[in-house]
């Protein structure tokens, strides 16, 4: 059974640049960071879209274009729940980051 050292499996490119720019090609552990960045960015975009849909539904209800109050309330709740979920994901990621920073090396 062979046990590889930490330095041989992680590399140093991911440590010096934890968030690579979108134009650079990621290698090693940076690809996971880029994947997380992409996933988190997509989640933010989806939450923004739901908030825009909610705002549009409220506007239509206020102007009389829409008569369905229940549809507006559903859109508002979807927006609220998705924002709360994204906030909790961000909080957990920050907690994990702070925990890693507190580790003794």
N, C-alpha and C. Protein backbone atom coordinates (compact mmCIF):
# COMPACT_ATOMS: atom_id res chain seq x y z
N UNK A 1 0.85 -1.18 0.00
CA UNK A 1 0.00 0.00 0.00
C UNK A 1 0.89 1.24 0.00
N UNK A 2 0.66 2.12 -0.97
CA UNK A 2 1.47 3.32 -1.12
C UNK A 2 0.66 4.52 -0.64
N UNK A 3 1.26 5.32 0.22
CA UNK A 3 0.60 6.53 0.70
C UNK A 3 1.36 7.72 0.13
N UNK A 4 0.66 8.52 -0.64
CA UNK A 4 1.27 9.71 -1.24
C UNK A 4 1.24 10.86 -0.25
N UNK A 5 2.25 11.69 -0.30
CA UNK A 5 2.31 12.86 0.55
C UNK A 5 1.33 13.93 0.10
N UNK A 6 1.03 14.85 0.96
CA UNK A 6 0.08 15.92 0.64
C UNK A 6 0.61 16.79 -0.48
N UNK A 7 1.89 17.12 -0.43
CA UNK A 7 2.44 18.02 -1.44
C UNK A 7 2.41 17.43 -2.84
N UNK A 8 2.52 16.11 -2.96
CA UNK A 8 2.54 15.51 -4.29
C UNK A 8 1.16 15.44 -4.92
N UNK A 9 0.09 15.45 -4.14
CA UNK A 9 -1.23 15.32 -4.72
C UNK A 9 -1.94 16.65 -4.91
N UNK A 10 -1.54 17.70 -4.18
CA UNK A 10 -2.25 18.96 -4.29
C UNK A 10 -1.60 19.94 -5.26
N UNK A 11 -0.32 20.03 -5.29
CA UNK A 11 0.34 21.01 -6.14
C UNK A 11 0.26 22.39 -5.51
N UNK A 12 1.00 23.33 -6.06
CA UNK A 12 1.01 24.67 -5.48
C UNK A 12 0.25 25.68 -6.32
N UNK A 13 -0.19 25.33 -7.50
CA UNK A 13 -0.87 26.31 -8.35
C UNK A 13 -2.22 26.72 -7.76
N UNK A 14 -2.91 25.83 -7.08
CA UNK A 14 -4.20 26.17 -6.51
C UNK A 14 -4.09 27.03 -5.26
N UNK A 15 -2.97 26.94 -4.56
CA UNK A 15 -2.82 27.69 -3.32
C UNK A 15 -2.55 29.16 -3.61
N UNK A 16 -1.71 29.46 -4.60
CA UNK A 16 -1.36 30.84 -4.88
C UNK A 16 -2.51 31.61 -5.52
N UNK A 17 -3.40 30.93 -6.22
CA UNK A 17 -4.52 31.59 -6.88
C UNK A 17 -5.79 30.78 -6.65
N UNK A 18 -6.49 31.00 -5.52
CA UNK A 18 -7.66 30.19 -5.21
C UNK A 18 -8.84 30.42 -6.15
N UNK A 19 -8.96 31.61 -6.74
CA UNK A 19 -10.05 31.90 -7.66
C UNK A 19 -9.46 32.33 -8.99
N UNK A 20 -9.22 31.38 -9.90
CA UNK A 20 -8.62 31.73 -11.18
C UNK A 20 -9.54 32.61 -12.00
N UNK A 21 -8.95 33.42 -12.86
CA UNK A 21 -9.77 34.25 -13.74
C UNK A 21 -10.43 33.37 -14.77
N UNK A 22 -11.50 33.86 -15.36
CA UNK A 22 -12.28 33.06 -16.29
C UNK A 22 -11.52 32.77 -17.57
N UNK A 23 -10.52 33.61 -17.95
CA UNK A 23 -9.80 33.41 -19.18
C UNK A 23 -8.69 32.38 -19.09
N UNK A 24 -8.24 32.05 -17.89
CA UNK A 24 -7.13 31.11 -17.75
C UNK A 24 -7.64 29.69 -17.69
N UNK A 25 -6.79 28.79 -18.13
CA UNK A 25 -7.12 27.36 -18.10
C UNK A 25 -6.72 26.82 -16.74
N UNK A 26 -7.64 26.19 -16.04
CA UNK A 26 -7.37 25.68 -14.70
C UNK A 26 -6.76 24.29 -14.79
N UNK A 27 -5.82 24.01 -13.87
CA UNK A 27 -5.22 22.68 -13.80
C UNK A 27 -5.20 22.24 -12.35
N UNK A 28 -5.16 20.94 -12.13
CA UNK A 28 -5.04 20.40 -10.78
C UNK A 28 -6.25 20.73 -9.93
N UNK A 29 -6.01 21.24 -8.72
CA UNK A 29 -7.09 21.53 -7.79
C UNK A 29 -7.84 22.79 -8.16
N UNK A 30 -7.30 23.62 -9.03
CA UNK A 30 -7.99 24.84 -9.42
C UNK A 30 -9.26 24.54 -10.20
N UNK A 31 -9.32 23.38 -10.86
CA UNK A 31 -10.52 23.03 -11.61
C UNK A 31 -11.71 22.85 -10.67
N UNK A 32 -11.47 22.36 -9.47
CA UNK A 32 -12.57 22.25 -8.51
C UNK A 32 -13.01 23.62 -8.07
N UNK A 33 -12.06 24.52 -7.88
CA UNK A 33 -12.41 25.88 -7.50
C UNK A 33 -13.20 26.54 -8.62
N UNK A 34 -12.76 26.35 -9.85
CA UNK A 34 -13.48 26.93 -10.97
C UNK A 34 -14.87 26.31 -11.07
N UNK A 35 -14.98 25.01 -10.81
CA UNK A 35 -16.28 24.35 -10.82
C UNK A 35 -17.19 24.91 -9.76
N UNK A 36 -16.66 25.12 -8.56
CA UNK A 36 -17.46 25.70 -7.48
C UNK A 36 -17.87 27.12 -7.82
N UNK A 37 -16.94 27.88 -8.39
CA UNK A 37 -17.25 29.25 -8.77
C UNK A 37 -18.35 29.28 -9.81
N UNK A 38 -18.27 28.38 -10.79
CA UNK A 38 -19.29 28.30 -11.83
C UNK A 38 -20.64 27.91 -11.25
N UNK A 39 -20.66 26.91 -10.39
CA UNK A 39 -21.91 26.45 -9.78
C UNK A 39 -22.53 27.55 -8.92
N UNK A 40 -21.70 28.21 -8.12
CA UNK A 40 -22.21 29.28 -7.25
C UNK A 40 -22.70 30.46 -8.09
N UNK A 41 -21.99 30.77 -9.16
CA UNK A 41 -22.43 31.85 -10.06
C UNK A 41 -23.76 31.53 -10.73
N UNK A 42 -23.92 30.28 -11.14
CA UNK A 42 -25.19 29.85 -11.73
C UNK A 42 -26.33 29.95 -10.73
N UNK A 43 -26.06 29.57 -9.48
CA UNK A 43 -27.08 29.65 -8.43
C UNK A 43 -27.49 31.10 -8.20
N UNK A 44 -26.52 32.00 -8.19
CA UNK A 44 -26.83 33.42 -8.01
C UNK A 44 -27.68 33.92 -9.18
N UNK A 45 -27.34 33.49 -10.38
CA UNK A 45 -28.12 33.88 -11.55
C UNK A 45 -29.56 33.38 -11.48
N UNK A 46 -29.75 32.15 -11.02
CA UNK A 46 -31.10 31.60 -10.90
C UNK A 46 -31.91 32.34 -9.85
N UNK A 47 -31.27 32.69 -8.73
CA UNK A 47 -31.97 33.45 -7.69
C UNK A 47 -32.36 34.82 -8.22
N UNK A 48 -31.46 35.44 -8.97
CA UNK A 48 -31.76 36.76 -9.55
C UNK A 48 -32.93 36.65 -10.52
N UNK A 49 -32.96 35.60 -11.35
CA UNK A 49 -34.07 35.40 -12.28
C UNK A 49 -35.40 35.23 -11.54
N UNK A 50 -35.38 34.45 -10.45
CA UNK A 50 -36.61 34.27 -9.67
C UNK A 50 -37.06 35.58 -9.03
N UNK A 51 -36.12 36.39 -8.57
CA UNK A 51 -36.48 37.69 -8.00
C UNK A 51 -37.06 38.62 -9.07
N UNK A 52 -36.48 38.58 -10.27
CA UNK A 52 -37.02 39.39 -11.36
C UNK A 52 -38.42 38.94 -11.75
N UNK A 53 -38.65 37.61 -11.78
CA UNK A 53 -39.99 37.09 -12.08
C UNK A 53 -40.99 37.52 -11.01
N UNK A 54 -40.55 37.50 -9.77
CA UNK A 54 -41.42 37.92 -8.67
C UNK A 54 -41.77 39.40 -8.80
N UNK A 55 -40.77 40.22 -9.11
CA UNK A 55 -41.02 41.65 -9.29
C UNK A 55 -41.97 41.91 -10.45
N UNK A 56 -41.79 41.16 -11.54
CA UNK A 56 -42.68 41.31 -12.69
C UNK A 56 -44.11 40.91 -12.33
N UNK A 57 -44.26 39.84 -11.57
CA UNK A 57 -45.59 39.38 -11.17
C UNK A 57 -46.27 40.41 -10.27
N UNK A 58 -45.50 41.02 -9.37
CA UNK A 58 -46.05 42.06 -8.50
C UNK A 58 -46.49 43.26 -9.33
N UNK A 59 -45.66 43.64 -10.31
CA UNK A 59 -46.01 44.76 -11.19
C UNK A 59 -47.28 44.49 -11.98
N UNK A 60 -47.40 43.26 -12.50
CA UNK A 60 -48.60 42.91 -13.26
C UNK A 60 -49.85 42.93 -12.37
N UNK A 61 -49.70 42.49 -11.13
CA UNK A 61 -50.84 42.52 -10.21
C UNK A 61 -51.22 43.95 -9.88
N UNK A 62 -50.23 44.81 -9.69
CA UNK A 62 -50.50 46.20 -9.33
C UNK A 62 -51.17 46.96 -10.48
N UNK A 63 -50.80 46.63 -11.71
CA UNK A 63 -51.39 47.33 -12.86
C UNK A 63 -52.69 46.71 -13.34
N UNK A 64 -53.04 45.55 -12.80
CA UNK A 64 -54.29 44.91 -13.18
C UNK A 64 -54.16 43.94 -14.33
N UNK A 65 -52.95 43.73 -14.84
CA UNK A 65 -52.76 42.77 -15.93
C UNK A 65 -53.00 41.34 -15.48
N UNK A 66 -52.70 41.07 -14.22
CA UNK A 66 -52.87 39.72 -13.68
C UNK A 66 -53.92 39.76 -12.58
N UNK A 67 -54.80 38.79 -12.59
CA UNK A 67 -55.84 38.71 -11.57
C UNK A 67 -55.54 37.63 -10.53
N UNK A 68 -54.49 36.85 -10.75
CA UNK A 68 -54.20 35.72 -9.87
C UNK A 68 -53.25 36.10 -8.74
N UNK A 69 -53.81 36.42 -7.61
CA UNK A 69 -52.99 36.75 -6.44
C UNK A 69 -52.18 35.54 -6.01
N UNK A 70 -52.74 34.34 -6.15
CA UNK A 70 -52.03 33.13 -5.74
C UNK A 70 -50.76 32.92 -6.56
N UNK A 71 -50.79 33.25 -7.85
CA UNK A 71 -49.61 33.11 -8.68
C UNK A 71 -48.51 34.07 -8.24
N UNK A 72 -48.89 35.27 -7.86
CA UNK A 72 -47.93 36.26 -7.38
C UNK A 72 -47.32 35.80 -6.06
N UNK A 73 -48.15 35.27 -5.18
CA UNK A 73 -47.65 34.79 -3.88
C UNK A 73 -46.70 33.60 -4.07
N UNK A 74 -47.02 32.72 -5.00
CA UNK A 74 -46.13 31.56 -5.27
C UNK A 74 -44.79 32.05 -5.81
N UNK A 75 -44.82 33.02 -6.73
CA UNK A 75 -43.57 33.57 -7.28
C UNK A 75 -42.75 34.24 -6.18
N UNK A 76 -43.42 34.96 -5.28
CA UNK A 76 -42.71 35.61 -4.18
C UNK A 76 -42.09 34.60 -3.23
N UNK A 77 -42.81 33.53 -2.94
CA UNK A 77 -42.28 32.51 -2.03
C UNK A 77 -41.13 31.75 -2.66
N UNK A 78 -41.22 31.46 -3.96
CA UNK A 78 -40.09 30.80 -4.64
C UNK A 78 -38.85 31.67 -4.54
N UNK A 79 -39.04 32.95 -4.79
CA UNK A 79 -37.92 33.89 -4.72
C UNK A 79 -37.35 33.95 -3.31
N UNK A 80 -38.20 34.03 -2.32
CA UNK A 80 -37.76 34.12 -0.93
C UNK A 80 -37.02 32.86 -0.49
N UNK A 81 -37.56 31.71 -0.80
CA UNK A 81 -36.94 30.45 -0.38
C UNK A 81 -35.60 30.25 -1.08
N UNK A 82 -35.53 30.58 -2.37
CA UNK A 82 -34.26 30.41 -3.07
C UNK A 82 -33.20 31.37 -2.53
N UNK A 83 -33.60 32.59 -2.17
CA UNK A 83 -32.64 33.53 -1.59
C UNK A 83 -32.17 33.06 -0.22
N UNK A 84 -33.08 32.56 0.60
CA UNK A 84 -32.70 32.04 1.92
C UNK A 84 -31.76 30.85 1.78
N UNK A 85 -32.02 29.97 0.82
CA UNK A 85 -31.16 28.82 0.59
C UNK A 85 -29.76 29.26 0.17
N UNK A 86 -29.69 30.21 -0.77
CA UNK A 86 -28.40 30.70 -1.24
C UNK A 86 -27.63 31.37 -0.09
N UNK A 87 -28.34 32.09 0.76
CA UNK A 87 -27.70 32.72 1.92
C UNK A 87 -27.12 31.68 2.86
N UNK A 88 -27.84 30.59 3.09
CA UNK A 88 -27.35 29.54 3.97
C UNK A 88 -26.15 28.81 3.36
N UNK A 89 -26.17 28.60 2.04
CA UNK A 89 -25.02 27.98 1.38
C UNK A 89 -23.79 28.87 1.54
N UNK A 90 -23.98 30.18 1.35
CA UNK A 90 -22.88 31.12 1.53
C UNK A 90 -22.36 31.09 2.96
N UNK A 91 -23.28 31.07 3.93
CA UNK A 91 -22.87 31.02 5.34
C UNK A 91 -22.08 29.75 5.65
N UNK A 92 -22.52 28.62 5.12
CA UNK A 92 -21.81 27.36 5.36
C UNK A 92 -20.42 27.39 4.71
N UNK A 93 -20.33 27.96 3.51
CA UNK A 93 -19.04 28.05 2.84
C UNK A 93 -18.10 28.96 3.64
N UNK A 94 -18.60 30.06 4.15
CA UNK A 94 -17.77 30.95 4.97
C UNK A 94 -17.34 30.28 6.27
N UNK A 95 -18.25 29.53 6.89
CA UNK A 95 -17.90 28.79 8.11
C UNK A 95 -16.80 27.77 7.83
N UNK A 96 -16.92 27.08 6.70
CA UNK A 96 -15.88 26.10 6.34
C UNK A 96 -14.55 26.79 6.09
N UNK A 97 -14.57 27.93 5.42
CA UNK A 97 -13.35 28.70 5.16
C UNK A 97 -12.71 29.13 6.47
N UNK A 98 -13.52 29.66 7.39
CA UNK A 98 -12.97 30.10 8.69
C UNK A 98 -12.42 28.93 9.49
N UNK A 99 -13.07 27.79 9.39
CA UNK A 99 -12.59 26.59 10.08
C UNK A 99 -11.25 26.15 9.52
N UNK A 100 -11.11 26.19 8.22
CA UNK A 100 -9.83 25.83 7.60
C UNK A 100 -8.74 26.81 8.00
N UNK A 101 -9.07 28.09 8.08
CA UNK A 101 -8.08 29.10 8.47
C UNK A 101 -7.64 28.95 9.92
N UNK A 102 -8.50 28.39 10.76
CA UNK A 102 -8.16 28.19 12.17
C UNK A 102 -7.31 26.94 12.41
N UNK A 103 -7.20 26.08 11.39
CA UNK A 103 -6.44 24.84 11.56
C UNK A 103 -4.96 25.12 11.79
N UNK A 104 -4.37 24.33 12.66
CA UNK A 104 -2.94 24.43 12.89
C UNK A 104 -2.22 23.58 11.85
N UNK A 105 -1.17 24.12 11.28
CA UNK A 105 -0.43 23.37 10.25
C UNK A 105 0.81 22.76 10.84
